[in-house]
């Protein structure tokens, strides 16, 4: 798969191509069926067209939390036999393209066919419709994928993560939810409690419900079991911003500055405020015991 990541007017392609386009945040089952439909056509090249950063972060001018970052989407796209992944730099100029200008862009990269969902919109303020696209391209509209009487969407998956329902999120993603981040220095409170933790700079990833989780952690190509805590640390060293901290079981390496992949396996319990340090340590021991049982 060839990755072309650039401002829209610098993106080039000379081959007739069938594409699907969208944010593809999470690349969930609904997105996956669009890609599979793209691949079902054999008379053109195959591609996806997506945007980075997420349009909401540009239009709202604030951090927008996503299920996947650019590198995640590239990795997920690469699992399909696609010919191209076009990643358009979403900036003010691109956001203000008129319907006609957006269509001219698609024609310039030789789009022959578009695979899209029934609610697809494009161009400035989403003024472009499926009917506009049909004037210039063959458009294959794919029906919504439904789970529990609700359309599968990134928002729906976030709703499940918000309540700690990893199982439902996993079904709709077709994989475990994971977050990649850099290990940064913390206040060493975990070490003093006998549970040294790696503090994770999780960037603009969407955090699941606050609480304790069983996670698997990828460090330098090797997988480990771990205990993660998401929250504000209400008992000791309260933090206004939510933190993601992981205690990697049976691990004593210095990994500051390293990038790790944290895969959320099971939700263990809510975040709690304890009366004192002793109660907190006793609960952490119980959490570790519960997690070790899950690793067997």
C-alpha atoms as a PDB file:
ATOM      1  CA  UNK A   1       0.000   0.000   0.000  1.00  0.00           C
ATOM      2  CA  UNK A   2       1.345   3.393  -0.999  1.00  0.00           C
ATOM      3  CA  UNK A   3       0.789   6.121   1.570  1.00  0.00           C
ATOM      4  CA  UNK A   4       0.370   9.644   0.212  1.00  0.00           C
ATOM      5  CA  UNK A   5       0.137  12.170   3.031  1.00  0.00           C
ATOM      6  CA  UNK A   6       0.057  15.820   2.015  1.00  0.00           C
ATOM      7  CA  UNK A   7      -1.987  18.943   1.409  1.00  0.00           C
ATOM      8  CA  UNK A   8      -4.821  18.089  -0.955  1.00  0.00           C
ATOM      9  CA  UNK A   9      -3.440  19.984  -3.957  1.00  0.00           C
ATOM     10  CA  UNK A  10      -0.141  18.080  -3.799  1.00  0.00           C
ATOM     11  CA  UNK A  11      -1.741  14.641  -3.869  1.00  0.00           C
ATOM     12  CA  UNK A  12      -1.313  12.919  -7.228  1.00  0.00           C
ATOM     13  CA  UNK A  13      -2.613   9.709  -8.763  1.00  0.00           C
ATOM     14  CA  UNK A  14      -2.780   8.735 -12.421  1.00  0.00           C
ATOM     15  CA  UNK A  15      -4.737   5.481 -12.175  1.00  0.00           C
ATOM     16  CA  UNK A  16      -8.536   5.090 -12.187  1.00  0.00           C
ATOM     17  CA  UNK A  17      -9.402   4.295  -8.603  1.00  0.00           C
ATOM     18  CA  UNK A  18     -12.274   3.198  -6.388  1.00  0.00           C
ATOM     19  CA  UNK A  19     -12.148   4.831  -2.976  1.00  0.00           C
ATOM     20  CA  UNK A  20     -14.034   5.252   0.258  1.00  0.00           C
ATOM     21  CA  UNK A  21     -13.536   8.473   2.182  1.00  0.00           C
ATOM     22  CA  UNK A  22     -14.074   9.641   5.741  1.00  0.00           C
ATOM     23  CA  UNK A  23     -12.424  10.191   9.108  1.00  0.00           C
ATOM     24  CA  UNK A  24     -12.276   6.447   9.837  1.00  0.00           C
ATOM     25  CA  UNK A  25     -11.644   7.112  13.527  1.00  0.00           C
ATOM     26  CA  UNK A  26     -11.341   3.677  15.102  1.00  0.00           C
ATOM     27  CA  UNK A  27     -11.704   1.912  11.741  1.00  0.00           C
ATOM     28  CA  UNK A  28     -14.654   0.009  13.224  1.00  0.00           C
ATOM     29  CA  UNK A  29     -16.843  -2.656  11.593  1.00  0.00           C
ATOM     30  CA  UNK A  30     -18.823  -0.033   9.696  1.00  0.00           C
ATOM     31  CA  UNK A  31     -15.638   1.362   8.167  1.00  0.00           C
ATOM     32  CA  UNK A  32     -14.354  -2.129   7.515  1.00  0.00           C
ATOM     33  CA  UNK A  33     -17.381  -3.025   5.417  1.00  0.00           C
ATOM     34  CA  UNK A  34     -16.766   0.086   3.282  1.00  0.00           C
ATOM     35  CA  UNK A  35     -13.191  -1.024   2.610  1.00  0.00           C
ATOM     36  CA  UNK A  36     -14.326  -4.556   1.810  1.00  0.00           C
ATOM     37  CA  UNK A  37     -16.812  -3.149  -0.699  1.00  0.00           C
ATOM     38  CA  UNK A  38     -14.019  -1.096  -2.292  1.00  0.00           C
ATOM     39  CA  UNK A  39     -11.959  -4.255  -2.691  1.00  0.00           C
ATOM     40  CA  UNK A  40     -14.871  -6.105  -4.293  1.00  0.00           C
ATOM     41  CA  UNK A  41     -14.416  -4.072  -7.486  1.00  0.00           C
ATOM     42  CA  UNK A  42     -11.720  -5.406  -9.783  1.00  0.00           C
ATOM     43  CA  UNK A  43     -11.697  -2.869 -12.624  1.00  0.00           C
ATOM     44  CA  UNK A  44      -9.684  -0.134 -10.823  1.00  0.00           C
ATOM     45  CA  UNK A  45      -7.060   0.453  -8.191  1.00  0.00           C
ATOM     46  CA  UNK A  46      -8.288   0.520  -4.582  1.00  0.00           C
ATOM     47  CA  UNK A  47      -7.839   3.246  -1.995  1.00  0.00           C
ATOM     48  CA  UNK A  48      -9.026   5.121   1.062  1.00  0.00           C
ATOM     49  CA  UNK A  49      -9.076   8.864   1.574  1.00  0.00           C
ATOM     50  CA  UNK A  50      -8.937  10.199   5.107  1.00  0.00           C
ATOM     51  CA  UNK A  51      -7.964  13.350   6.980  1.00  0.00           C
ATOM     52  CA  UNK A  52      -5.390  14.345   9.576  1.00  0.00           C
ATOM     53  CA  UNK A  53      -5.696  15.924  12.051  1.00  0.00           C
ATOM     54  CA  UNK A  54      -9.293  15.084  12.856  1.00  0.00           C
ATOM     55  CA  UNK A  55     -11.517  17.845  11.385  1.00  0.00           C
ATOM     56  CA  UNK A  56     -13.143  18.507  14.754  1.00  0.00           C
ATOM     57  CA  UNK A  57      -9.806  19.512  16.289  1.00  0.00           C
ATOM     58  CA  UNK A  58      -9.301  22.093  13.534  1.00  0.00           C
ATOM     59  CA  UNK A  59     -12.840  23.432  13.368  1.00  0.00           C
ATOM     60  CA  UNK A  60     -13.297  23.600  17.147  1.00  0.00           C
ATOM     61  CA  UNK A  61      -9.717  24.805  17.703  1.00  0.00           C
ATOM     62  CA  UNK A  62      -9.293  22.478  20.669  1.00  0.00           C
ATOM     63  CA  UNK A  63      -8.123  18.952  21.364  1.00  0.00           C
ATOM     64  CA  UNK A  64     -10.534  16.366  20.021  1.00  0.00           C
ATOM     65  CA  UNK A  65     -10.054  12.922  21.514  1.00  0.00           C
ATOM     66  CA  UNK A  66      -9.930  10.092  19.012  1.00  0.00           C
ATOM     67  CA  UNK A  67      -9.827   6.297  19.093  1.00  0.00           C
ATOM     68  CA  UNK A  68      -6.992   6.202  16.575  1.00  0.00           C
ATOM     69  CA  UNK A  69      -4.105   8.455  15.596  1.00  0.00           C
ATOM     70  CA  UNK A  70      -2.643   8.799  12.115  1.00  0.00           C
ATOM     71  CA  UNK A  71      -0.120   5.976  12.562  1.00  0.00           C
ATOM     72  CA  UNK A  72      -2.854   3.686  13.910  1.00  0.00           C
ATOM     73  CA  UNK A  73      -5.018   4.232  10.858  1.00  0.00           C
ATOM     74  CA  UNK A  74      -2.092   3.568   8.536  1.00  0.00           C
ATOM     75  CA  UNK A  75      -1.416   0.303  10.366  1.00  0.00           C
ATOM     76  CA  UNK A  76      -5.071  -0.739  10.164  1.00  0.00           C
ATOM     77  CA  UNK A  77      -5.381   0.223   6.485  1.00  0.00           C
ATOM     78  CA  UNK A  78      -2.248  -1.809   5.727  1.00  0.00           C
ATOM     79  CA  UNK A  79      -4.010  -4.984   6.856  1.00  0.00           C
ATOM     80  CA  UNK A  80      -6.081  -4.781   3.671  1.00  0.00           C
ATOM     81  CA  UNK A  81      -4.751  -5.240   0.108  1.00  0.00           C
ATOM     82  CA  UNK A  82      -5.317  -1.574  -0.726  1.00  0.00           C
ATOM     83  CA  UNK A  83      -3.213   0.175  -3.332  1.00  0.00           C
ATOM     84  CA  UNK A  84      -3.352   3.646  -1.789  1.00  0.00           C
ATOM     85  CA  UNK A  85      -4.055   5.498   1.433  1.00  0.00           C
ATOM     86  CA  UNK A  86      -4.522   9.205   0.744  1.00  0.00           C
ATOM     87  CA  UNK A  87      -4.140  11.204   3.964  1.00  0.00           C
ATOM     88  CA  UNK A  88      -5.191  14.796   3.389  1.00  0.00           C
ATOM     89  CA  UNK A  89      -3.801  17.465   5.706  1.00  0.00           C
ATOM     90  CA  UNK A  90      -6.987  18.920   7.128  1.00  0.00           C
ATOM     91  CA  UNK A  91      -6.435  22.653   7.446  1.00  0.00           C
ATOM     92  CA  UNK A  92      -8.486  25.823   7.042  1.00  0.00           C
ATOM     93  CA  UNK A  93      -8.023  25.896   3.263  1.00  0.00           C
ATOM     94  CA  UNK A  94      -9.235  22.330   2.832  1.00  0.00           C
ATOM     95  CA  UNK A  95     -12.164  22.857   5.205  1.00  0.00           C
ATOM     96  CA  UNK A  96     -13.370  25.754   3.066  1.00  0.00           C
ATOM     97  CA  UNK A  97     -13.425  23.924  -0.279  1.00  0.00           C
ATOM     98  CA  UNK A  98     -16.748  24.376  -2.033  1.00  0.00           C
ATOM     99  CA  UNK A  99     -18.676  21.379  -3.324  1.00  0.00           C
ATOM    100  CA  UNK A 100     -17.350  22.043  -6.829  1.00  0.00           C
ATOM    101  CA  UNK A 101     -13.752  22.424  -5.626  1.00  0.00           C
ATOM    102  CA  UNK A 102     -13.917  19.215  -3.610  1.00  0.00           C
ATOM    103  CA  UNK A 103     -15.275  17.329  -6.616  1.00  0.00           C
ATOM    104  CA  UNK A 104     -12.515  18.811  -8.781  1.00  0.00           C
ATOM    105  CA  UNK A 105      -9.987  17.455  -6.276  1.00  0.00           C
ATOM    106  CA  UNK A 106     -11.491  13.956  -6.494  1.00  0.00           C
ATOM    107  CA  UNK A 107     -11.473  14.123 -10.292  1.00  0.00           C
ATOM    108  CA  UNK A 108      -7.838  15.281 -10.262  1.00  0.00           C
ATOM    109  CA  UNK A 109      -6.796  12.044  -8.528  1.00  0.00           C
ATOM    110  CA  UNK A 110      -8.831  10.011 -11.029  1.00  0.00           C
ATOM    111  CA  UNK A 111     -11.559   8.766  -8.732  1.00  0.00           C
ATOM    112  CA  UNK A 112     -13.937   6.633 -10.784  1.00  0.00           C
ATOM    113  CA  UNK A 113     -16.066   5.152  -8.026  1.00  0.00           C
ATOM    114  CA  UNK A 114     -16.943   6.145  -4.446  1.00  0.00           C
ATOM    115  CA  UNK A 115     -18.063   3.746  -1.715  1.00  0.00           C
ATOM    116  CA  UNK A 116     -19.809   5.710   1.028  1.00  0.00           C
ATOM    117  CA  UNK A 117     -22.372   5.478   3.806  1.00  0.00           C
ATOM    118  CA  UNK A 118     -25.865   6.843   3.328  1.00  0.00           C
ATOM    119  CA  UNK A 119     -25.223   9.923   5.487  1.00  0.00           C
ATOM    120  CA  UNK A 120     -21.964  10.961   3.790  1.00  0.00           C
ATOM    121  CA  UNK A 121     -21.367  14.703   3.504  1.00  0.00           C
ATOM    122  CA  UNK A 122     -18.373  16.655   2.241  1.00  0.00           C
ATOM    123  CA  UNK A 123     -16.965  20.113   1.417  1.00  0.00           C
ATOM    124  CA  UNK A 124     -17.536  23.364   3.318  1.00  0.00           C
ATOM    125  CA  UNK A 125     -19.912  22.878   6.248  1.00  0.00           C
ATOM    126  CA  UNK A 126     -20.870  19.472   4.841  1.00  0.00           C
ATOM    127  CA  UNK A 127     -22.843  21.058   2.027  1.00  0.00           C
ATOM    128  CA  UNK A 128     -21.937  18.290  -0.444  1.00  0.00           C
ATOM    129  CA  UNK A 129     -24.382  15.404  -0.812  1.00  0.00           C
ATOM    130  CA  UNK A 130     -24.506  11.998  -2.432  1.00  0.00           C
ATOM    131  CA  UNK A 131     -26.534  13.501  -5.274  1.00  0.00           C
ATOM    132  CA  UNK A 132     -23.699  15.948  -5.974  1.00  0.00           C
ATOM    133  CA  UNK A 133     -21.236  13.064  -6.222  1.00  0.00           C
ATOM    134  CA  UNK A 134     -23.484  11.041  -8.523  1.00  0.00           C
ATOM    135  CA  UNK A 135     -23.180  13.730 -11.203  1.00  0.00           C
ATOM    136  CA  UNK A 136     -19.509  12.834 -11.688  1.00  0.00           C
ATOM    137  CA  UNK A 137     -18.817   9.395 -10.207  1.00  0.00           C
ATOM    138  CA  UNK A 138     -20.326   5.984  -9.813  1.00  0.00           C
ATOM    139  CA  UNK A 139     -21.488   6.010  -6.196  1.00  0.00           C
ATOM    140  CA  UNK A 140     -22.103   2.801  -4.252  1.00  0.00           C
ATOM    141  CA  UNK A 141     -24.026   3.586  -1.061  1.00  0.00           C
ATOM    142  CA  UNK A 142     -23.533   1.007   1.695  1.00  0.00           C
ATOM    143  CA  UNK A 143     -26.286   0.563   4.252  1.00  0.00           C
ATOM    144  CA  UNK A 144     -25.613   1.205   7.934  1.00  0.00           C
ATOM    145  CA  UNK A 145     -24.266  -1.587  10.105  1.00  0.00           C
ATOM    146  CA  UNK A 146     -26.482  -1.946  13.177  1.00  0.00           C
ATOM    147  CA  UNK A 147     -25.696  -3.339  16.637  1.00  0.00           C
ATOM    148  CA  UNK A 148     -28.397  -3.483  19.335  1.00  0.00           C
ATOM    149  CA  UNK A 149     -30.706  -1.390  17.129  1.00  0.00           C
ATOM    150  CA  UNK A 150     -28.104   1.387  16.902  1.00  0.00           C
ATOM    151  CA  UNK A 151     -25.926   2.403  13.966  1.00  0.00           C
ATOM    152  CA  UNK A 152     -22.306   1.411  14.475  1.00  0.00           C
ATOM    153  CA  UNK A 153     -20.284   4.612  14.795  1.00  0.00           C
ATOM    154  CA  UNK A 154     -17.224   6.025  16.520  1.00  0.00           C
ATOM    155  CA  UNK A 155     -19.507   7.876  18.937  1.00  0.00           C
ATOM    156  CA  UNK A 156     -21.316   4.635  19.824  1.00  0.00           C
ATOM    157  CA  UNK A 157     -17.995   2.945  20.606  1.00  0.00           C
ATOM    158  CA  UNK A 158     -16.933   5.886  22.756  1.00  0.00           C
ATOM    159  CA  UNK A 159     -20.196   5.493  24.663  1.00  0.00           C
ATOM    160  CA  UNK A 160     -19.290   1.889  25.488  1.00  0.00           C
ATOM    161  CA  UNK A 161     -15.766   2.869  26.553  1.00  0.00           C
ATOM    162  CA  UNK A 162     -17.202   5.614  28.743  1.00  0.00           C
ATOM    163  CA  UNK A 163     -19.082   3.036  30.809  1.00  0.00           C
ATOM    164  CA  UNK A 164     -16.203   0.540  30.835  1.00  0.00           C
ATOM    165  CA  UNK A 165     -17.905  -1.901  28.466  1.00  0.00           C
ATOM    166  CA  UNK A 166     -14.758  -3.145  26.738  1.00  0.00           C
ATOM    167  CA  UNK A 167     -16.556  -6.203  25.369  1.00  0.00           C
ATOM    168  CA  UNK A 168     -19.027  -4.236  23.269  1.00  0.00           C
ATOM    169  CA  UNK A 169     -16.312  -1.845  22.119  1.00  0.00           C
ATOM    170  CA  UNK A 170     -14.208  -4.839  21.132  1.00  0.00           C
ATOM    171  CA  UNK A 171     -17.047  -6.319  19.079  1.00  0.00           C
ATOM    172  CA  UNK A 172     -17.549  -3.117  17.113  1.00  0.00           C
ATOM    173  CA  UNK A 173     -13.841  -2.455  16.594  1.00  0.00           C
ATOM    174  CA  UNK A 174     -13.133  -6.098  15.760  1.00  0.00           C
ATOM    175  CA  UNK A 175     -10.108  -5.835  18.069  1.00  0.00           C
ATOM    176  CA  UNK A 176      -9.196  -4.751  21.602  1.00  0.00           C
ATOM    177  CA  UNK A 177      -9.073  -1.013  22.189  1.00  0.00           C
ATOM    178  CA  UNK A 178      -5.515   0.238  22.627  1.00  0.00           C
ATOM    179  CA  UNK A 179      -3.626   3.447  23.296  1.00  0.00           C
ATOM    180  CA  UNK A 180      -0.037   4.202  22.322  1.00  0.00           C
ATOM    181  CA  UNK A 181       1.908   6.711  24.368  1.00  0.00           C
ATOM    182  CA  UNK A 182       5.274   7.870  25.656  1.00  0.00           C
ATOM    183  CA  UNK A 183       6.421   6.973  29.168  1.00  0.00           C
ATOM    184  CA  UNK A 184       7.069  10.194  31.094  1.00  0.00           C
ATOM    185  CA  UNK A 185       8.308  10.995  34.591  1.00  0.00           C
ATOM    186  CA  UNK A 186       5.719  11.149  37.352  1.00  0.00           C
ATOM    187  CA  UNK A 187       5.840  11.851  41.084  1.00  0.00           C
ATOM    188  CA  UNK A 188       7.019   8.348  42.077  1.00  0.00           C
ATOM    189  CA  UNK A 189       4.027   7.798  44.389  1.00  0.00           C
ATOM    190  CA  UNK A 190       3.422   4.331  42.930  1.00  0.00           C
ATOM    191  CA  UNK A 191       6.995   3.302  43.685  1.00  0.00           C
ATOM    192  CA  UNK A 192       6.580   4.365  47.302  1.00  0.00           C
ATOM    193  CA  UNK A 193       3.431   2.233  47.533  1.00  0.00           C
ATOM    194  CA  UNK A 194       5.237  -0.828  46.208  1.00  0.00           C
ATOM    195  CA  UNK A 195       3.520  -0.578  42.818  1.00  0.00           C
ATOM    196  CA  UNK A 196       5.851   1.405  40.533  1.00  0.00           C
ATOM    197  CA  UNK A 197       3.935   2.867  37.629  1.00  0.00           C
ATOM    198  CA  UNK A 198       4.807   4.205  34.205  1.00  0.00           C
ATOM    199  CA  UNK A 199       3.005   7.476  33.539  1.00  0.00           C
ATOM    200  CA  UNK A 200       1.799   7.682  29.962  1.00  0.00           C
ATOM    201  CA  UNK A 201       1.532  10.775  27.806  1.00  0.00           C
ATOM    202  CA  UNK A 202      -1.546   9.637  25.884  1.00  0.00           C
ATOM    203  CA  UNK A 203      -1.815  12.694  23.643  1.00  0.00           C
ATOM    204  CA  UNK A 204      -5.274  13.100  22.131  1.00  0.00           C
ATOM    205  CA  UNK A 205      -6.436   9.509  22.599  1.00  0.00           C
ATOM    206  CA  UNK A 206      -9.906   8.933  24.033  1.00  0.00           C
ATOM    207  CA  UNK A 207      -9.668   7.503  27.553  1.00  0.00           C
ATOM    208  CA  UNK A 208     -12.060   4.776  28.715  1.00  0.00           C
ATOM    209  CA  UNK A 209     -13.932   5.070  32.007  1.00  0.00           C
ATOM    210  CA  UNK A 210     -11.854   5.976  35.052  1.00  0.00           C
ATOM    211  CA  UNK A 211     -10.841   2.916  37.028  1.00  0.00           C
ATOM    212  CA  UNK A 212      -8.496  -0.051  37.139  1.00  0.00           C
ATOM    213  CA  UNK A 213      -7.933  -2.329  34.133  1.00  0.00           C
ATOM    214  CA  UNK A 214      -6.103  -5.468  33.190  1.00  0.00           C
ATOM    215  CA  UNK A 215      -3.957  -4.486  30.216  1.00  0.00           C
ATOM    216  CA  UNK A 216      -1.358  -6.025  27.984  1.00  0.00           C
ATOM    217  CA  UNK A 217       1.619  -3.792  27.286  1.00  0.00           C
ATOM    218  CA  UNK A 218       3.970  -3.900  24.303  1.00  0.00           C
ATOM    219  CA  UNK A 219       7.470  -2.712  25.204  1.00  0.00           C
ATOM    220  CA  UNK A 220      10.300  -2.918  22.676  1.00  0.00           C
ATOM    221  CA  UNK A 221       8.506  -5.667  20.754  1.00  0.00           C
ATOM    222  CA  UNK A 222       7.764  -7.775  23.848  1.00  0.00           C
ATOM    223  CA  UNK A 223       4.353  -8.254  25.491  1.00  0.00           C
ATOM    224  CA  UNK A 224       3.758  -8.019  29.238  1.00  0.00           C
ATOM    225  CA  UNK A 225       0.739  -8.180  31.543  1.00  0.00           C
ATOM    226  CA  UNK A 226      -0.101  -5.080  33.494  1.00  0.00           C
ATOM    227  CA  UNK A 227      -2.459  -3.128  35.713  1.00  0.00           C
ATOM    228  CA  UNK A 228      -3.610   0.280  34.469  1.00  0.00           C
ATOM    229  CA  UNK A 229      -5.270   3.075  36.351  1.00  0.00           C
ATOM    230  CA  UNK A 230      -7.182   5.863  34.648  1.00  0.00           C
ATOM    231  CA  UNK A 231      -8.314   8.796  36.725  1.00  0.00           C
ATOM    232  CA  UNK A 232      -7.453  11.723  38.935  1.00  0.00           C
ATOM    233  CA  UNK A 233      -5.762   9.912  41.837  1.00  0.00           C
ATOM    234  CA  UNK A 234      -8.298  11.005  44.494  1.00  0.00           C
ATOM    235  CA  UNK A 235      -6.465   9.416  47.435  1.00  0.00           C
ATOM    236  CA  UNK A 236      -2.904  10.669  46.924  1.00  0.00           C
ATOM    237  CA  UNK A 237      -1.593  13.440  44.679  1.00  0.00           C
ATOM    238  CA  UNK A 238      -4.880  14.498  43.080  1.00  0.00           C
ATOM    239  CA  UNK A 239      -4.581  15.541  39.443  1.00  0.00           C
ATOM    240  CA  UNK A 240      -7.054  17.828  37.693  1.00  0.00           C
ATOM    241  CA  UNK A 241      -6.226  16.206  34.356  1.00  0.00           C
ATOM    242  CA  UNK A 242      -6.926  12.509  34.031  1.00  0.00           C
ATOM    243  CA  UNK A 243      -3.856  10.314  34.143  1.00  0.00           C
ATOM    244  CA  UNK A 244      -3.067   6.989  32.559  1.00  0.00           C
ATOM    245  CA  UNK A 245      -0.619   4.987  34.664  1.00  0.00           C
ATOM    246  CA  UNK A 246       0.453   1.383  34.211  1.00  0.00           C
ATOM    247  CA  UNK A 247       2.084  -1.052  36.579  1.00  0.00           C
ATOM    248  CA  UNK A 248       3.756  -3.694  34.403  1.00  0.00           C
ATOM    249  CA  UNK A 249       3.842  -7.010  36.240  1.00  0.00           C
ATOM    250  CA  UNK A 250       7.240  -8.627  36.878  1.00  0.00           C
ATOM    251  CA  UNK A 251       9.055  -5.786  35.107  1.00  0.00           C
ATOM    252  CA  UNK A 252      11.917  -3.586  36.297  1.00  0.00           C
ATOM    253  CA  UNK A 253      13.388  -1.888  33.215  1.00  0.00           C
ATOM    254  CA  UNK A 254      13.932   1.842  32.765  1.00  0.00           C
ATOM    255  CA  UNK A 255      11.593   2.793  29.918  1.00  0.00           C
ATOM    256  CA  UNK A 256      11.350   6.563  30.274  1.00  0.00           C
ATOM    257  CA  UNK A 257      10.938   8.163  26.879  1.00  0.00           C
ATOM    258  CA  UNK A 258       9.899   4.872  25.265  1.00  0.00           C
ATOM    259  CA  UNK A 259       6.682   4.450  23.287  1.00  0.00           C
ATOM    260  CA  UNK A 260       4.445   1.650  24.557  1.00  0.00           C
ATOM    261  CA  UNK A 261       1.205   0.138  23.306  1.00  0.00           C
ATOM    262  CA  UNK A 262      -1.430  -0.441  25.997  1.00  0.00           C
ATOM    263  CA  UNK A 263      -4.191  -2.900  25.107  1.00  0.00           C
ATOM    264  CA  UNK A 264      -7.264  -2.812  27.336  1.00  0.00           C
ATOM    265  CA  UNK A 265      -8.370  -6.359  28.156  1.00  0.00           C
ATOM    266  CA  UNK A 266     -10.746  -6.190  31.165  1.00  0.00           C
ATOM    267  CA  UNK A 267     -12.294  -3.529  33.363  1.00  0.00           C
ATOM    268  CA  UNK A 268     -11.600  -4.432  37.009  1.00  0.00           C
ATOM    269  CA  UNK A 269     -13.215  -1.750  39.188  1.00  0.00           C
ATOM    270  CA  UNK A 270     -14.123   1.914  39.569  1.00  0.00           C
ATOM    271  CA  UNK A 271     -11.616   4.479  40.744  1.00  0.00           C
ATOM    272  CA  UNK A 272     -12.047   4.872  44.505  1.00  0.00           C
ATOM    273  CA  UNK A 273     -10.977   7.321  47.176  1.00  0.00           C
ATOM    274  CA  UNK A 274      -9.477   5.572  50.199  1.00  0.00           C
ATOM    275  CA  UNK A 275      -9.218   6.802  53.794  1.00  0.00           C
ATOM    276  CA  UNK A 276      -5.484   6.352  53.907  1.00  0.00           C
ATOM    277  CA  UNK A 277      -2.414   4.922  52.218  1.00  0.00           C
ATOM    278  CA  UNK A 278      -2.786   1.526  53.917  1.00  0.00           C
ATOM    279  CA  UNK A 279      -6.292   0.979  52.487  1.00  0.00           C
ATOM    280  CA  UNK A 280      -5.040   1.957  49.036  1.00  0.00           C
ATOM    281  CA  UNK A 281      -2.154  -0.537  49.194  1.00  0.00           C
ATOM    282  CA  UNK A 282      -4.476  -3.332  50.352  1.00  0.00           C
ATOM    283  CA  UNK A 283      -6.794  -2.687  47.408  1.00  0.00           C
ATOM    284  CA  UNK A 284      -3.913  -2.577  44.929  1.00  0.00           C
ATOM    285  CA  UNK A 285      -2.814  -6.008  46.169  1.00  0.00           C
ATOM    286  CA  UNK A 286      -6.346  -7.315  45.568  1.00  0.00           C
ATOM    287  CA  UNK A 287      -6.339  -5.768  42.093  1.00  0.00           C
ATOM    288  CA  UNK A 288      -3.037  -7.418  41.257  1.00  0.00           C
ATOM    289  CA  UNK A 289      -4.329 -10.803  42.452  1.00  0.00           C
ATOM    290  CA  UNK A 290      -7.466 -10.451  40.306  1.00  0.00           C
ATOM    291  CA  UNK A 291      -5.398  -9.497  37.252  1.00  0.00           C
ATOM    292  CA  UNK A 292      -2.915 -12.346  37.694  1.00  0.00           C
ATOM    293  CA  UNK A 293      -5.841 -14.782  37.690  1.00  0.00           C
ATOM    294  CA  UNK A 294      -6.936 -13.361  34.344  1.00  0.00           C
ATOM    295  CA  UNK A 295      -3.492 -13.934  32.843  1.00  0.00           C
ATOM    296  CA  UNK A 296      -3.530 -17.677  33.521  1.00  0.00           C
END
